[in-house]
Amino acid sequence: MNKLVEIWKTAAEDLGLDIHEGFILKLPSGVQINAEVLVKNFGAHKGMLIISRSKEVWDFRNELTDQGFGFSVMSIPGENEVYDRDGKINVLSDWGWSGPPEEKPTWIKDELGLE
């Protein structure tokens, strides 16, 4: 498991996220997208794909969004990097909640940065 997945697993445990590591998506065009993590209920309708290689998705970004997914390209952190709770809350708040309204976490910040 790489450090990017490890940090998102820690975030999932801490913040109650629904994630799927090593998520593979086959697009209608036949292209296969290998995401390190799928974060459900944030960003797009079907969630956000965390991908460490922009070349993996850039040419297929429209097809991804047509299929209901968003994506974020994130570099693999160094081995000494640790989970940053406030940083993850900021990222998730920027993406926005896309799950059932009654399940929206209370820690999500609004557009003004307030919880």
N, C-alpha and C. Protein backbone atom coordinates (compact mmCIF):
# COMPACT_ATOMS: atom_id res chain seq x y z
N MET A 1 0.86 -1.18 0.00
CA MET A 1 0.00 0.00 0.00
C MET A 1 0.90 1.24 0.00
N ASN A 2 0.59 2.19 -0.88
CA ASN A 2 1.40 3.40 -0.89
C ASN A 2 0.92 4.39 0.17
N LYS A 3 1.72 5.39 0.40
CA LYS A 3 1.45 6.37 1.46
C LYS A 3 0.17 7.16 1.20
N LEU A 4 -0.16 7.39 -0.06
CA LEU A 4 -1.40 8.10 -0.40
C LEU A 4 -2.61 7.31 0.09
N VAL A 5 -2.63 6.03 -0.18
CA VAL A 5 -3.74 5.17 0.28
C VAL A 5 -3.75 5.11 1.80
N GLU A 6 -2.60 4.98 2.40
CA GLU A 6 -2.51 4.90 3.86
C GLU A 6 -3.12 6.14 4.53
N ILE A 7 -2.80 7.30 3.99
CA ILE A 7 -3.32 8.54 4.57
C ILE A 7 -4.84 8.64 4.38
N TRP A 8 -5.34 8.22 3.21
CA TRP A 8 -6.80 8.26 2.99
C TRP A 8 -7.52 7.23 3.86
N LYS A 9 -6.88 6.11 4.14
CA LYS A 9 -7.48 5.12 5.05
C LYS A 9 -7.57 5.70 6.47
N THR A 10 -6.56 6.43 6.88
CA THR A 10 -6.59 7.09 8.18
C THR A 10 -7.71 8.13 8.22
N ALA A 11 -7.84 8.89 7.14
CA ALA A 11 -8.92 9.89 7.05
C ALA A 11 -10.28 9.22 7.13
N ALA A 12 -10.42 8.08 6.46
CA ALA A 12 -11.70 7.36 6.47
C ALA A 12 -12.06 6.92 7.88
N GLU A 13 -11.09 6.41 8.60
CA GLU A 13 -11.33 5.98 9.98
C GLU A 13 -11.68 7.16 10.87
N ASP A 14 -10.96 8.26 10.72
CA ASP A 14 -11.15 9.43 11.56
C ASP A 14 -12.44 10.17 11.26
N LEU A 15 -12.75 10.32 9.97
CA LEU A 15 -13.88 11.17 9.56
C LEU A 15 -15.12 10.39 9.14
N GLY A 16 -15.03 9.07 9.17
CA GLY A 16 -16.19 8.26 8.79
C GLY A 16 -16.47 8.26 7.30
N LEU A 17 -15.41 8.28 6.50
CA LEU A 17 -15.58 8.30 5.04
C LEU A 17 -15.82 6.91 4.49
N ASP A 18 -16.55 6.84 3.39
CA ASP A 18 -16.75 5.59 2.65
C ASP A 18 -15.76 5.61 1.50
N ILE A 19 -14.66 4.85 1.63
CA ILE A 19 -13.65 4.82 0.58
C ILE A 19 -13.46 3.40 0.08
N HIS A 20 -12.94 3.30 -1.14
CA HIS A 20 -12.60 2.01 -1.74
C HIS A 20 -11.19 2.16 -2.31
N GLU A 21 -10.25 1.43 -1.75
CA GLU A 21 -8.87 1.53 -2.24
C GLU A 21 -8.66 0.62 -3.44
N GLY A 22 -7.74 1.00 -4.30
CA GLY A 22 -7.46 0.22 -5.50
C GLY A 22 -8.67 0.10 -6.42
N PHE A 23 -9.40 1.21 -6.59
CA PHE A 23 -10.63 1.20 -7.38
C PHE A 23 -10.31 1.19 -8.87
N ILE A 24 -10.90 0.28 -9.59
CA ILE A 24 -10.71 0.17 -11.04
C ILE A 24 -12.03 0.49 -11.73
N LEU A 25 -11.98 1.43 -12.67
CA LEU A 25 -13.17 1.84 -13.41
C LEU A 25 -12.92 1.60 -14.89
N LYS A 26 -13.80 0.84 -15.51
CA LYS A 26 -13.71 0.64 -16.96
C LYS A 26 -14.74 1.56 -17.61
N LEU A 27 -14.24 2.47 -18.42
CA LEU A 27 -15.10 3.43 -19.09
C LEU A 27 -15.75 2.81 -20.32
N PRO A 28 -16.87 3.37 -20.79
CA PRO A 28 -17.54 2.83 -21.97
C PRO A 28 -16.63 2.73 -23.20
N SER A 29 -15.63 3.59 -23.28
CA SER A 29 -14.69 3.56 -24.41
C SER A 29 -13.75 2.36 -24.33
N GLY A 30 -13.76 1.66 -23.19
CA GLY A 30 -12.88 0.52 -23.00
C GLY A 30 -11.64 0.85 -22.19
N VAL A 31 -11.39 2.13 -21.95
CA VAL A 31 -10.24 2.55 -21.15
C VAL A 31 -10.45 2.16 -19.69
N GLN A 32 -9.40 1.68 -19.08
CA GLN A 32 -9.45 1.31 -17.66
C GLN A 32 -8.71 2.37 -16.85
N ILE A 33 -9.37 2.92 -15.84
CA ILE A 33 -8.78 3.90 -14.94
C ILE A 33 -8.48 3.20 -13.62
N ASN A 34 -7.23 3.28 -13.19
CA ASN A 34 -6.81 2.68 -11.92
C ASN A 34 -6.58 3.79 -10.91
N ALA A 35 -7.53 3.93 -10.00
CA ALA A 35 -7.44 4.97 -8.97
C ALA A 35 -6.90 4.37 -7.68
N GLU A 36 -6.09 5.15 -6.99
CA GLU A 36 -5.62 4.68 -5.69
C GLU A 36 -6.79 4.54 -4.72
N VAL A 37 -7.71 5.51 -4.79
CA VAL A 37 -8.84 5.54 -3.86
C VAL A 37 -10.06 6.14 -4.55
N LEU A 38 -11.24 5.62 -4.22
CA LEU A 38 -12.51 6.26 -4.55
C LEU A 38 -13.09 6.75 -3.23
N VAL A 39 -13.38 8.04 -3.15
CA VAL A 39 -14.03 8.62 -1.97
C VAL A 39 -15.48 8.87 -2.36
N LYS A 40 -16.36 8.05 -1.81
CA LYS A 40 -17.78 8.15 -2.14
C LYS A 40 -18.42 9.32 -1.39
N ASN A 41 -19.51 9.83 -1.95
CA ASN A 41 -20.34 10.87 -1.33
C ASN A 41 -19.72 12.25 -1.31
N PHE A 42 -18.66 12.46 -2.07
CA PHE A 42 -18.06 13.79 -2.17
C PHE A 42 -17.83 14.12 -3.63
N GLY A 43 -17.90 15.43 -3.93
CA GLY A 43 -17.66 15.88 -5.29
C GLY A 43 -18.78 15.46 -6.22
N ALA A 44 -18.47 14.61 -7.16
CA ALA A 44 -19.44 14.17 -8.16
C ALA A 44 -20.41 13.14 -7.57
N HIS A 45 -21.45 12.87 -8.33
CA HIS A 45 -22.53 11.97 -7.90
C HIS A 45 -22.01 10.60 -7.42
N LYS A 46 -21.06 10.02 -8.15
CA LYS A 46 -20.54 8.70 -7.78
C LYS A 46 -19.26 8.78 -6.96
N GLY A 47 -18.81 9.99 -6.65
CA GLY A 47 -17.64 10.15 -5.80
C GLY A 47 -16.43 10.68 -6.54
N MET A 48 -15.34 10.79 -5.79
CA MET A 48 -14.09 11.35 -6.30
C MET A 48 -13.02 10.27 -6.38
N LEU A 49 -12.40 10.18 -7.53
CA LEU A 49 -11.28 9.27 -7.72
C LEU A 49 -9.99 10.01 -7.35
N ILE A 50 -9.18 9.38 -6.53
CA ILE A 50 -7.87 9.93 -6.18
C ILE A 50 -6.85 9.19 -7.04
N ILE A 51 -6.14 9.94 -7.84
CA ILE A 51 -5.22 9.36 -8.81
C ILE A 51 -3.87 10.08 -8.68
N SER A 52 -2.79 9.32 -8.70
CA SER A 52 -1.47 9.94 -8.54
C SER A 52 -0.81 10.30 -9.87
N ARG A 53 -1.37 9.87 -10.97
CA ARG A 53 -0.77 10.13 -12.28
C ARG A 53 -1.78 10.84 -13.17
N SER A 54 -1.51 12.11 -13.46
CA SER A 54 -2.46 12.88 -14.27
C SER A 54 -2.64 12.28 -15.66
N LYS A 55 -1.59 11.67 -16.21
CA LYS A 55 -1.69 11.06 -17.54
C LYS A 55 -2.73 9.94 -17.56
N GLU A 56 -2.99 9.35 -16.40
CA GLU A 56 -3.95 8.25 -16.28
C GLU A 56 -5.36 8.72 -16.65
N VAL A 57 -5.68 9.99 -16.35
CA VAL A 57 -7.06 10.45 -16.51
C VAL A 57 -7.27 11.64 -17.43
N TRP A 58 -6.24 12.42 -17.66
CA TRP A 58 -6.47 13.72 -18.31
C TRP A 58 -7.21 13.62 -19.64
N ASP A 59 -6.82 12.70 -20.49
CA ASP A 59 -7.48 12.58 -21.80
C ASP A 59 -8.90 12.02 -21.70
N PHE A 60 -9.26 11.50 -20.54
CA PHE A 60 -10.57 10.85 -20.35
C PHE A 60 -11.44 11.59 -19.34
N ARG A 61 -11.05 12.81 -18.99
CA ARG A 61 -11.76 13.55 -17.95
C ARG A 61 -13.22 13.78 -18.28
N ASN A 62 -13.54 14.06 -19.54
CA ASN A 62 -14.95 14.27 -19.90
C ASN A 62 -15.75 12.98 -19.77
N GLU A 63 -15.15 11.87 -20.17
CA GLU A 63 -15.83 10.58 -20.06
C GLU A 63 -16.04 10.21 -18.59
N LEU A 64 -15.05 10.54 -17.76
CA LEU A 64 -15.18 10.29 -16.31
C LEU A 64 -16.36 11.07 -15.73
N THR A 65 -16.42 12.36 -16.06
CA THR A 65 -17.51 13.16 -15.50
C THR A 65 -18.86 12.74 -16.08
N ASP A 66 -18.87 12.32 -17.36
CA ASP A 66 -20.12 11.81 -17.95
C ASP A 66 -20.61 10.57 -17.21
N GLN A 67 -19.69 9.80 -16.64
CA GLN A 67 -20.05 8.59 -15.90
C GLN A 67 -20.38 8.89 -14.44
N GLY A 68 -20.31 10.15 -14.03
CA GLY A 68 -20.70 10.54 -12.68
C GLY A 68 -19.58 10.60 -11.67
N PHE A 69 -18.32 10.57 -12.13
CA PHE A 69 -17.18 10.62 -11.23
C PHE A 69 -16.44 11.94 -11.37
N GLY A 70 -15.89 12.38 -10.27
CA GLY A 70 -14.93 13.47 -10.29
C GLY A 70 -13.56 12.86 -10.04
N PHE A 71 -12.54 13.67 -10.16
CA PHE A 71 -11.21 13.14 -9.86
C PHE A 71 -10.31 14.24 -9.34
N SER A 72 -9.33 13.82 -8.58
CA SER A 72 -8.31 14.72 -8.08
C SER A 72 -6.97 14.02 -8.22
N VAL A 73 -6.02 14.71 -8.82
CA VAL A 73 -4.68 14.16 -8.97
C VAL A 73 -3.87 14.63 -7.77
N MET A 74 -3.36 13.67 -7.02
CA MET A 74 -2.57 13.96 -5.83
C MET A 74 -1.28 13.17 -5.89
N SER A 75 -0.19 13.85 -5.58
CA SER A 75 1.09 13.14 -5.59
C SER A 75 1.17 12.21 -4.38
N ILE A 76 1.98 11.18 -4.52
CA ILE A 76 2.17 10.24 -3.41
C ILE A 76 3.05 10.94 -2.38
N PRO A 77 2.55 11.05 -1.15
CA PRO A 77 3.31 11.74 -0.10
C PRO A 77 4.62 11.01 0.21
N GLY A 78 5.56 11.76 0.75
CA GLY A 78 6.80 11.17 1.21
C GLY A 78 6.53 10.27 2.42
N GLU A 79 7.44 9.38 2.66
CA GLU A 79 7.27 8.42 3.75
C GLU A 79 7.12 9.07 5.12
N ASN A 80 7.63 10.28 5.30
CA ASN A 80 7.56 10.95 6.60
C ASN A 80 6.30 11.80 6.76
N GLU A 81 5.53 11.95 5.70
CA GLU A 81 4.30 12.74 5.80
C GLU A 81 3.26 11.99 6.61
N VAL A 82 2.46 12.76 7.34
CA VAL A 82 1.44 12.17 8.20
C VAL A 82 0.07 12.75 7.85
N TYR A 83 -0.95 12.10 8.33
CA TYR A 83 -2.33 12.52 8.12
C TYR A 83 -2.56 13.90 8.75
N ASP A 84 -3.14 14.79 7.97
CA ASP A 84 -3.46 16.15 8.41
C ASP A 84 -4.98 16.29 8.39
N ARG A 85 -5.59 16.17 9.56
CA ARG A 85 -7.06 16.19 9.66
C ARG A 85 -7.65 17.46 9.05
N ASP A 86 -7.14 18.62 9.47
CA ASP A 86 -7.69 19.88 8.96
C ASP A 86 -7.51 20.00 7.45
N GLY A 87 -6.38 19.53 6.95
CA GLY A 87 -6.14 19.56 5.51
C GLY A 87 -7.15 18.71 4.75
N LYS A 88 -7.44 17.51 5.26
CA LYS A 88 -8.42 16.64 4.59
C LYS A 88 -9.81 17.23 4.68
N ILE A 89 -10.16 17.82 5.81
CA ILE A 89 -11.48 18.45 5.94
C ILE A 89 -11.61 19.59 4.92
N ASN A 90 -10.55 20.35 4.73
CA ASN A 90 -10.59 21.44 3.74
C ASN A 90 -10.79 20.89 2.32
N VAL A 91 -10.05 19.83 1.97
CA VAL A 91 -10.19 19.22 0.64
C VAL A 91 -11.61 18.71 0.45
N LEU A 92 -12.11 17.95 1.40
CA LEU A 92 -13.44 17.37 1.30
C LEU A 92 -14.52 18.45 1.26
N SER A 93 -14.34 19.51 2.04
CA SER A 93 -15.30 20.62 2.03
C SER A 93 -15.28 21.33 0.68
N ASP A 94 -14.09 21.48 0.08
CA ASP A 94 -14.00 22.08 -1.25
C ASP A 94 -14.73 21.24 -2.29
N TRP A 95 -14.58 19.92 -2.19
CA TRP A 95 -15.27 19.03 -3.13
C TRP A 95 -16.78 19.10 -2.95
N GLY A 96 -17.22 19.25 -1.72
CA GLY A 96 -18.63 19.30 -1.40
C GLY A 96 -19.23 17.92 -1.19
N TRP A 97 -20.27 17.87 -0.40
CA TRP A 97 -20.99 16.65 -0.09
C TRP A 97 -21.94 16.32 -1.24
N SER A 98 -21.91 15.08 -1.73
CA SER A 98 -22.83 14.67 -2.80
C SER A 98 -23.69 13.49 -2.37
N GLY A 99 -23.57 13.08 -1.11
CA GLY A 99 -24.36 11.97 -0.60
C GLY A 99 -25.73 12.43 -0.13
N PRO A 100 -26.45 11.53 0.53
CA PRO A 100 -27.78 11.89 1.05
C PRO A 100 -27.68 13.07 2.03
N PRO A 101 -28.52 14.08 1.86
CA PRO A 101 -28.44 15.27 2.71
C PRO A 101 -28.48 14.96 4.21
N GLU A 102 -29.28 13.97 4.58
CA GLU A 102 -29.40 13.66 6.01
C GLU A 102 -28.15 12.99 6.59
N GLU A 103 -27.21 12.59 5.72
CA GLU A 103 -25.98 11.95 6.18
C GLU A 103 -24.77 12.87 6.10
N LYS A 104 -25.00 14.12 5.75
CA LYS A 104 -23.89 15.07 5.60
C LYS A 104 -23.16 15.22 6.94
N PRO A 105 -21.84 15.02 6.93
CA PRO A 105 -21.08 15.15 8.17
C PRO A 105 -21.11 16.58 8.71
N THR A 106 -21.11 16.69 10.03
CA THR A 106 -21.17 18.01 10.66
C THR A 106 -19.85 18.78 10.55
N TRP A 107 -18.76 18.08 10.26
CA TRP A 107 -17.45 18.75 10.18
C TRP A 107 -17.19 19.44 8.84
N ILE A 108 -18.08 19.25 7.85
CA ILE A 108 -17.89 19.90 6.54
C ILE A 108 -18.05 21.41 6.71
N LYS A 109 -17.10 22.14 6.13
CA LYS A 109 -17.14 23.60 6.19
C LYS A 109 -17.97 24.14 5.03
N ASP A 110 -18.67 25.22 5.29
CA ASP A 110 -19.45 25.85 4.21
C ASP A 110 -18.53 26.74 3.37
N GLU A 111 -19.09 27.47 2.43
CA GLU A 111 -18.30 28.30 1.52
C GLU A 111 -17.49 29.36 2.25
N LEU A 112 -17.91 29.72 3.44
CA LEU A 112 -17.18 30.75 4.20
C LEU A 112 -16.11 30.14 5.10
N GLY A 113 -15.96 28.82 5.06
CA GLY A 113 -14.96 28.17 5.88
C GLY A 113 -15.45 27.85 7.28
N LEU A 114 -16.75 27.94 7.50
CA LEU A 114 -17.33 27.67 8.83
C LEU A 114 -17.92 26.28 8.86
N GLU A 115 -17.83 25.63 10.01
CA GLU A 115 -18.45 24.30 10.15
C GLU A 115 -19.92 24.45 10.44
